Amino acid sequence: MARIIAIANQKGGVGKTTTAVNLGASLAASEQRTLVIDCDPQGNTTSALGFPRDPARRTLYQALMLGEPIERVIIDAQVEGLDLIPSDKNLVGAAVELVSADEREYKLKALINPLREKYKFILIDCPPSLDLLTLNALAASDSVLVPIQCEYLALEGVSELLDTLMRLRRSINPSLAIEGILLTMYDDRTTLSKQVASDLRSFFGGQVFESVIPRNVRLAEAPSHGMPVIFYDIHSKGAESYIQLAKEVIANAQKRAGTRTERTDSGPGIAASAAAGAGASGTGGNNGDDGGGNSGGPGSGTD
């Protein structure tokens, strides 16, 4: 049965979309069948997976508000083991139309619960706000993954965000857990990034993922090519970081299921899957080096 994880932070630009796309692809490459749900009207997750805007395409809006069967909205994300429920600008209307609906916080949950048997993981990319779309995502989820940018202002908002999540646990979803806090846009050349990471680890302890997502040029370039970074440049630091994050998420799921398995290094399997996918696509950015690694250039992608 699938574990449903909402990727949420009311602050924009922290890497929610980048995480949804690349964690989803890394899980799929690890032979964990995964569904990514684009719950953001901006539709960045949809375009980052290679689907340009198309008014004729069925999206989450049709399923959520117009009664379209959810199975007819799901599309193959062009990655083996990865499916997508796309979004478009019409989803803005859903936030307004849901206000007067009965059981308005649980519409998405009713839609995706029947899909649990088909997938190992379902990832929901939330909009950068606490509107009814985000509330629906959190009500439908088993846990929430919180990406946090390694900058000072991120520290100010994180406690407020977790307070909000605790209120949601009391009122809407009593079983909602914290999947983990993910440090993004980390630049190991700066004292600020190191200090923010240290402060978050000292305060939240084991809730912070060991994996850290660096500032990385390849990670920022991949969405413009319509593919996850593991297929764009498997050797980049961004790809390696999301592969490690996928291992952590899988290990956490096994622990929760009561399965005691050692954390084996599945890197070669993921690399082989990614290399095969990149070869099939005929594209990729694996020319030269990592584009700067942990450079202070472009950030870790779109939100």
Protein backbone atom coordinates (compact mmCIF):
# COMPACT_ATOMS: atom_id res chain seq x y z
CA MET A 1 0.00 0.00 0.00
CA ALA A 2 1.33 3.40 -0.99
CA ARG A 3 2.76 5.88 1.46
CA ILE A 4 1.38 9.32 0.59
CA ILE A 5 3.83 12.17 1.19
CA ALA A 6 2.93 15.85 0.80
CA ILE A 7 5.86 18.11 -0.08
CA ALA A 8 4.86 21.37 1.54
CA ASN A 9 6.17 24.70 2.73
CA GLN A 10 4.13 27.89 2.73
CA LYS A 11 7.28 29.77 1.72
CA GLY A 12 7.96 29.86 -2.03
CA GLY A 13 11.24 29.13 -3.76
CA VAL A 14 12.48 26.46 -1.37
CA GLY A 15 12.61 23.52 -3.80
CA LYS A 16 9.25 21.78 -3.43
CA THR A 17 8.81 21.14 -7.16
CA THR A 18 12.45 20.16 -7.64
CA THR A 19 12.06 17.67 -4.80
CA ALA A 20 8.77 16.24 -6.08
CA VAL A 21 10.22 15.64 -9.56
CA ASN A 22 13.63 14.30 -8.58
CA LEU A 23 12.62 12.31 -5.51
CA GLY A 24 9.81 10.74 -7.55
CA ALA A 25 12.20 9.78 -10.35
CA SER A 26 14.79 8.42 -7.89
CA LEU A 27 12.15 6.30 -6.14
CA ALA A 28 10.95 4.96 -9.49
CA ALA A 29 14.54 4.15 -10.50
CA SER A 30 14.81 2.21 -7.22
CA GLU A 31 11.92 0.02 -8.42
CA GLN A 32 9.41 1.75 -6.17
CA ARG A 33 6.39 2.50 -8.36
CA THR A 34 5.57 6.15 -7.73
CA LEU A 35 2.82 8.63 -8.56
CA VAL A 36 3.52 12.37 -8.51
CA ILE A 37 0.50 14.66 -8.11
CA ASP A 38 0.95 18.25 -9.25
CA CYS A 39 -1.32 20.16 -6.87
CA ASP A 40 0.09 23.59 -7.76
CA PRO A 41 -1.83 25.69 -10.33
CA GLN A 42 1.51 26.92 -11.70
CA GLY A 43 2.01 23.44 -13.14
CA ASN A 44 5.80 23.50 -12.75
CA THR A 45 6.02 19.82 -11.84
CA THR A 46 4.09 18.96 -14.99
CA SER A 47 6.42 20.98 -17.23
CA ALA A 48 9.57 19.81 -15.41
CA LEU A 49 8.63 16.23 -16.35
CA GLY A 50 8.46 17.19 -20.02
CA PHE A 51 4.80 18.09 -20.54
CA PRO A 52 4.26 21.58 -22.02
CA ARG A 53 1.04 23.44 -21.37
CA ASP A 54 -1.85 21.80 -23.23
CA PRO A 55 -5.45 23.03 -22.73
CA ALA A 56 -6.78 19.72 -24.05
CA ARG A 57 -4.99 17.64 -21.39
CA ARG A 58 -7.05 16.31 -18.49
CA THR A 59 -5.69 17.55 -15.18
CA LEU A 60 -6.29 17.32 -11.46
CA TYR A 61 -8.95 20.03 -11.80
CA GLN A 62 -11.19 17.80 -13.93
CA ALA A 63 -10.92 14.98 -11.40
CA LEU A 64 -11.33 17.19 -8.33
CA MET A 65 -14.17 19.42 -9.48
CA LEU A 66 -15.79 17.90 -12.58
CA GLY A 67 -16.01 14.24 -11.60
CA GLU A 68 -13.55 12.89 -14.16
CA PRO A 69 -12.39 9.37 -13.13
CA ILE A 70 -8.91 9.72 -11.63
CA GLU A 71 -7.60 6.83 -13.74
CA ARG A 72 -8.27 8.87 -16.89
CA VAL A 73 -6.22 11.79 -15.59
CA ILE A 74 -3.06 9.79 -14.76
CA ILE A 75 -0.39 9.92 -17.46
CA ASP A 76 2.89 8.07 -17.95
CA ALA A 77 5.68 10.43 -16.87
CA GLN A 78 8.06 8.99 -19.50
CA VAL A 79 10.10 7.39 -16.71
CA GLU A 80 9.69 3.69 -16.02
CA GLY A 81 7.68 3.23 -12.83
CA LEU A 82 6.68 6.91 -12.57
CA ASP A 83 3.21 8.32 -13.27
CA LEU A 84 1.89 11.88 -13.07
CA ILE A 85 -1.39 13.63 -12.36
CA PRO A 86 -0.82 16.95 -14.14
CA SER A 87 -1.98 20.43 -13.20
CA ASP A 88 -2.80 23.64 -15.01
CA LYS A 89 -4.02 27.16 -14.27
CA ASN A 90 -7.65 25.97 -13.93
CA LEU A 91 -6.71 24.59 -10.54
CA VAL A 92 -6.78 28.17 -9.24
CA GLY A 93 -10.55 27.98 -9.59
CA ALA A 94 -10.71 24.86 -7.44
CA ALA A 95 -9.45 26.79 -4.41
CA VAL A 96 -12.47 29.09 -4.78
CA GLU A 97 -15.02 26.45 -5.75
CA LEU A 98 -14.08 24.19 -2.85
CA VAL A 99 -15.07 26.83 -0.28
CA SER A 100 -18.76 25.94 -0.48
CA ALA A 101 -18.29 22.20 -1.01
CA ASP A 102 -19.21 19.56 1.55
CA GLU A 103 -16.23 17.79 3.14
CA ARG A 104 -14.09 20.26 1.24
CA GLU A 105 -10.79 19.31 2.95
CA TYR A 106 -11.19 15.63 2.00
CA LYS A 107 -11.94 15.80 -1.74
CA LEU A 108 -8.41 14.84 -2.79
CA LYS A 109 -8.23 12.06 -0.20
CA ALA A 110 -11.38 10.46 -1.63
CA LEU A 111 -9.86 10.62 -5.11
CA ILE A 112 -6.48 9.06 -4.41
CA ASN A 113 -7.24 6.51 -1.69
CA PRO A 114 -8.29 3.91 -4.33
CA LEU A 115 -4.82 4.31 -5.92
CA ARG A 116 -2.92 3.20 -2.81
CA GLU A 117 -2.77 -0.45 -3.92
CA LYS A 118 -1.19 0.46 -7.26
CA TYR A 119 1.85 2.40 -5.99
CA LYS A 120 4.56 2.24 -3.34
CA PHE A 121 4.76 6.04 -2.98
CA ILE A 122 2.48 8.94 -3.88
CA LEU A 123 4.10 12.39 -3.77
CA ILE A 124 1.99 15.56 -3.72
CA ASP A 125 3.61 18.83 -4.79
CA CYS A 126 1.76 21.54 -2.85
CA PRO A 127 1.37 25.22 -3.76
CA PRO A 128 3.38 27.76 -1.73
CA SER A 129 0.46 28.73 0.50
CA LEU A 130 -1.92 27.24 3.03
CA ASP A 131 -5.02 27.37 0.87
CA LEU A 132 -7.65 24.66 0.38
CA LEU A 133 -5.47 22.84 -2.14
CA THR A 134 -2.68 22.47 0.41
CA LEU A 135 -5.18 21.49 3.12
CA ASN A 136 -6.56 18.80 0.79
CA ALA A 137 -3.04 17.49 0.19
CA LEU A 138 -2.24 17.37 3.90
CA ALA A 139 -5.57 15.73 4.73
CA ALA A 140 -4.86 13.01 2.15
CA SER A 141 -1.27 12.37 3.24
CA ASP A 142 0.39 10.03 5.69
CA SER A 143 3.26 12.46 6.21
CA VAL A 144 4.70 15.78 5.11
CA LEU A 145 8.19 16.44 3.79
CA VAL A 146 9.32 20.02 4.42
CA PRO A 147 12.04 21.47 2.15
CA ILE A 148 13.86 24.36 3.82
CA GLN A 149 16.31 26.66 2.09
CA CYS A 150 19.61 27.09 3.93
CA GLU A 151 19.19 30.80 4.51
CA TYR A 152 18.40 32.90 7.56
CA LEU A 153 14.79 33.78 6.72
CA ALA A 154 13.95 30.09 6.41
CA LEU A 155 14.66 29.69 10.12
CA GLU A 156 12.05 32.31 10.97
CA GLY A 157 9.29 30.47 9.14
CA VAL A 158 9.98 26.86 10.04
CA SER A 159 8.60 26.91 13.58
CA GLU A 160 5.47 28.68 12.37
CA LEU A 161 5.02 26.06 9.66
CA LEU A 162 5.36 23.16 12.09
CA ASP A 163 2.90 24.84 14.49
CA THR A 164 0.44 24.98 11.60
CA LEU A 165 1.02 21.30 10.88
CA MET A 166 0.31 20.44 14.50
CA ARG A 167 -2.98 22.33 14.34
CA LEU A 168 -3.87 20.43 11.18
CA ARG A 169 -3.09 17.18 12.98
CA ARG A 170 -5.57 18.07 15.71
CA SER A 171 -8.37 19.17 13.39
CA ILE A 172 -8.07 17.51 9.97
CA ASN A 173 -5.60 14.60 9.89
CA PRO A 174 -4.71 13.08 13.29
CA SER A 175 -2.30 10.58 11.71
CA LEU A 176 -0.23 13.17 9.81
CA ALA A 177 3.46 12.63 10.55
CA ILE A 178 6.60 14.58 9.73
CA GLU A 179 8.39 12.61 7.02
CA GLY A 180 11.41 14.83 7.48
CA ILE A 181 12.94 18.26 7.02
CA LEU A 182 15.04 18.54 3.87
CA LEU A 183 17.85 21.09 3.63
CA THR A 184 17.95 22.57 0.12
CA MET A 185 20.14 25.06 -1.78
CA TYR A 186 23.04 24.24 0.51
CA ASP A 187 26.35 25.92 -0.34
CA ASP A 188 29.17 24.44 1.71
CA ARG A 189 31.42 27.40 0.88
CA THR A 190 29.36 29.78 3.00
CA THR A 191 29.28 30.05 6.77
CA LEU A 192 25.58 30.92 6.63
CA SER A 193 24.54 27.62 5.04
CA LYS A 194 26.60 25.67 7.57
CA GLN A 195 25.14 27.65 10.47
CA VAL A 196 21.53 27.23 9.29
CA ALA A 197 22.06 23.50 8.81
CA SER A 198 23.65 23.19 12.24
CA ASP A 199 20.84 25.14 13.91
CA LEU A 200 18.13 23.04 12.27
CA ARG A 201 19.85 19.78 13.19
CA SER A 202 20.38 20.84 16.78
CA PHE A 203 16.73 21.89 17.14
CA PHE A 204 14.93 19.15 15.18
CA GLY A 205 17.45 16.34 15.61
CA GLY A 206 16.54 13.16 13.77
CA GLN A 207 13.67 14.82 11.92
CA VAL A 208 16.22 16.39 9.55
CA PHE A 209 17.24 14.16 6.63
CA GLU A 210 20.90 13.24 6.43
CA SER A 211 20.74 13.99 2.71
CA VAL A 212 21.33 17.63 1.81
CA ILE A 213 20.44 19.14 -1.57
CA PRO A 214 23.19 21.46 -2.80
CA ARG A 215 23.06 24.49 -5.03
CA ASN A 216 23.79 22.84 -8.34
CA VAL A 217 23.78 24.04 -11.93
CA ARG A 218 22.70 20.68 -13.41
CA LEU A 219 19.78 20.53 -10.99
CA ALA A 220 18.65 23.98 -12.13
CA GLU A 221 19.10 23.14 -15.84
CA ALA A 222 17.23 19.81 -15.86
CA PRO A 223 13.64 21.24 -15.85
CA SER A 224 14.35 23.21 -19.03
CA HIS A 225 15.07 19.87 -20.72
CA GLY A 226 11.88 18.32 -19.33
CA MET A 227 13.58 15.57 -17.36
CA PRO A 228 14.63 14.71 -13.80
CA VAL A 229 18.28 15.38 -13.00
CA ILE A 230 19.15 11.68 -12.74
CA PHE A 231 18.44 11.39 -16.47
CA TYR A 232 20.01 14.73 -17.33
CA ASP A 233 23.31 14.17 -15.50
CA ILE A 234 23.51 11.13 -13.24
CA HIS A 235 26.98 12.15 -12.02
CA SER A 236 25.98 15.61 -10.82
CA LYS A 237 25.92 16.40 -7.12
CA GLY A 238 22.20 17.17 -7.38
CA ALA A 239 21.44 13.71 -8.79
CA GLU A 240 23.57 12.01 -6.14
CA SER A 241 21.78 13.94 -3.38
CA TYR A 242 18.31 12.92 -4.54
CA ILE A 243 19.39 9.29 -4.93
CA GLN A 244 20.54 9.37 -1.30
CA LEU A 245 17.27 11.02 -0.25
CA ALA A 246 15.29 8.28 -1.99
CA LYS A 247 17.25 5.67 -0.03
CA GLU A 248 16.38 7.44 3.22
CA VAL A 249 12.68 7.65 2.33
CA ILE A 250 12.58 3.97 1.40
CA ALA A 251 14.41 2.99 4.59
CA ASN A 252 12.01 5.07 6.69
CA ALA A 253 9.03 3.39 5.03
CA GLN A 254 10.50 -0.04 5.74
CA LYS A 255 11.04 0.85 9.38
CA ARG A 256 7.46 2.04 9.71
CA ALA A 257 6.23 -1.18 8.13
CA GLY A 258 8.18 -3.09 10.76
CA THR A 259 10.60 -4.53 8.22
CA ARG A 260 14.14 -4.55 9.53
CA THR A 261 16.35 -4.43 6.48
CA GLU A 262 19.85 -3.08 6.24
CA ARG A 263 20.39 0.05 4.21
CA THR A 264 22.08 -1.50 1.21
CA ASP A 265 23.68 0.70 -1.39
CA SER A 266 21.30 0.66 -4.35
CA GLY A 267 23.24 3.39 -6.16
CA PRO A 268 24.44 1.18 -9.07
CA GLY A 269 20.87 0.06 -9.77
CA ILE A 270 19.62 3.62 -9.88
CA ALA A 271 22.56 4.72 -12.00
CA ALA A 272 21.93 1.92 -14.48
CA SER A 273 18.23 2.80 -14.76
CA ALA A 274 19.03 6.47 -15.19
CA ALA A 275 21.71 5.80 -17.78
CA ALA A 276 19.31 3.63 -19.77
CA GLY A 277 16.63 6.33 -19.62
CA ALA A 278 19.04 9.04 -20.65
CA GLY A 279 20.28 6.94 -23.55
CA ALA A 280 16.74 6.30 -24.73
CA SER A 281 15.87 9.98 -24.63
CA GLY A 282 18.95 10.90 -26.64
CA THR A 283 19.52 14.01 -24.53
CA GLY A 284 21.32 14.92 -21.38
CA GLY A 285 23.77 17.32 -19.92
CA ASN A 286 26.56 14.92 -19.15
CA ASN A 287 29.10 16.90 -21.13
CA GLY A 288 32.00 18.10 -19.06
CA ASP A 289 31.89 18.56 -15.34
CA ASP A 290 29.08 19.12 -12.88
CA GLY A 291 28.48 22.69 -13.93
CA GLY A 292 29.95 24.08 -10.78
CA GLY A 293 28.86 21.55 -8.15
CA ASN A 294 28.03 23.47 -5.03
CA SER A 295 28.42 26.77 -6.80
CA GLY A 296 26.72 29.96 -5.87
CA GLY A 297 25.08 30.03 -9.32
CA PRO A 298 21.50 29.03 -10.09
CA GLY A 299 19.63 27.50 -7.18
CA SER A 300 18.33 24.00 -6.84
CA GLY A 301 15.54 24.49 -9.31
CA THR A 302 12.00 25.76 -9.40
CA ASP A 303 9.57 25.70 -6.55
